[in-house]
Amino acid sequence: MKKLRELTVDEVFEMFVLVKNADVRTAKNGKKFIAFTFQDTSGTIDGKYWDASEKEIQRFQAGVVVFLGGKRENYQGNPQVKITNLRVAHENEPDQPSLYMERAPVKTDAMVDEINQTLFEITNAHWQRIVRHLLTTHQKAFFEYPAAKRNHHAFAGGLAFHTVTMLHIGKAIVKEYPEVNHSLLYAGIILHDLGKVIELSGPMSTEYTLVGNLVGHLVLVDEEITKACIALKINDTDEDIVVLKHMVLAHHGELEYGSPVRPRIMEAEILHQIDNMDASMQMMLSSLRLVQPGEFTERIFGMDNRSFYLPKENK
């Protein structure tokens, strides 16, 4: 049986899927509708449920498995579902949300081992102690959470997978540029998105928490570093702590993208570039895997709404 992202345009289907998001909105005619994001292990697709009653709004909540019938369409270059029938899965049907969650392509144990091995390469005692302390504090969530609600690495284990991939790139860069402080770079990579375990609600039906919306993960991880310094009796005004905080606070690169400061040390600039590269690559690859050579991908919101072309293979 096909999965969501394997459907072709105009294909009619029925299948069990997970409601990842269910946002209630009001149409121009004043009636409410539900803007759905449906999910299975192949990815997500959007669909609108028009003229939704209050009972239907209560019934079709995020995190519920539903039996979805409809037709796969395109809207402004993006795939969507025209919903023809929808009901909640029954108890004797495959109604466990975990069956439909997309997951990182690397096993959790392998990612845990790789990050633990990298800790031995962080030779500054303060940085290593802080990173170990925060990983221990947030161990379960760090290896389960996605890296985003919707754009890059938006799947279970995505946060750790994003981190491990960035470490691979960082280690290659260090070989080319020995002037780079590898300990600072690795510590910054591991910590840069750790605040997302507080910013996001979890791997299933991911939403932004209140503090995530109002504070954001860059400031949250800065606060976590301060808490770690208090617990470990480290002076957070020491230069090595200040530059570690700078790494996480500057990693979005631009003020308009949420960084309170722009990168002002070499390692912070590298961290920003690696982060942007891995996020962009993951978004592009996820879309390119769904098309054939000679075709364009759907428009990718996180890539300035561009679509990407997959060149025909040269044999």
Foldseek 3Di string as FASTA:
>chain_A
DDDDLQADAFDWDKDKWFFLAWDWDADPVRAIKTWTWTFAQLGTAIEIGPRDDPVRSVQRHGGFIKIWTFGWHDDQQGIHTYTDDIDTDDPVDPTHNVRGFHADPDDLVVLVVLLVVVLVVQPDPLLSQLLVVLCVVCVVQQQFFALDCHAFRLTGRNNSVLLSVLLVVLVVVCVVPVVDPSNLLNSLSSQQRSLVSQQWDTRGSIDGDPCCVVPNSLVSSLVSSVVSCVVVVHDCVDPVNVVSNLLNLALCQDVVSPRPDHDDDPSSVSSNVSSVVSSVVRRLVSQVVSDDAPDWGGQRVVVVRDIHHHHDDDD
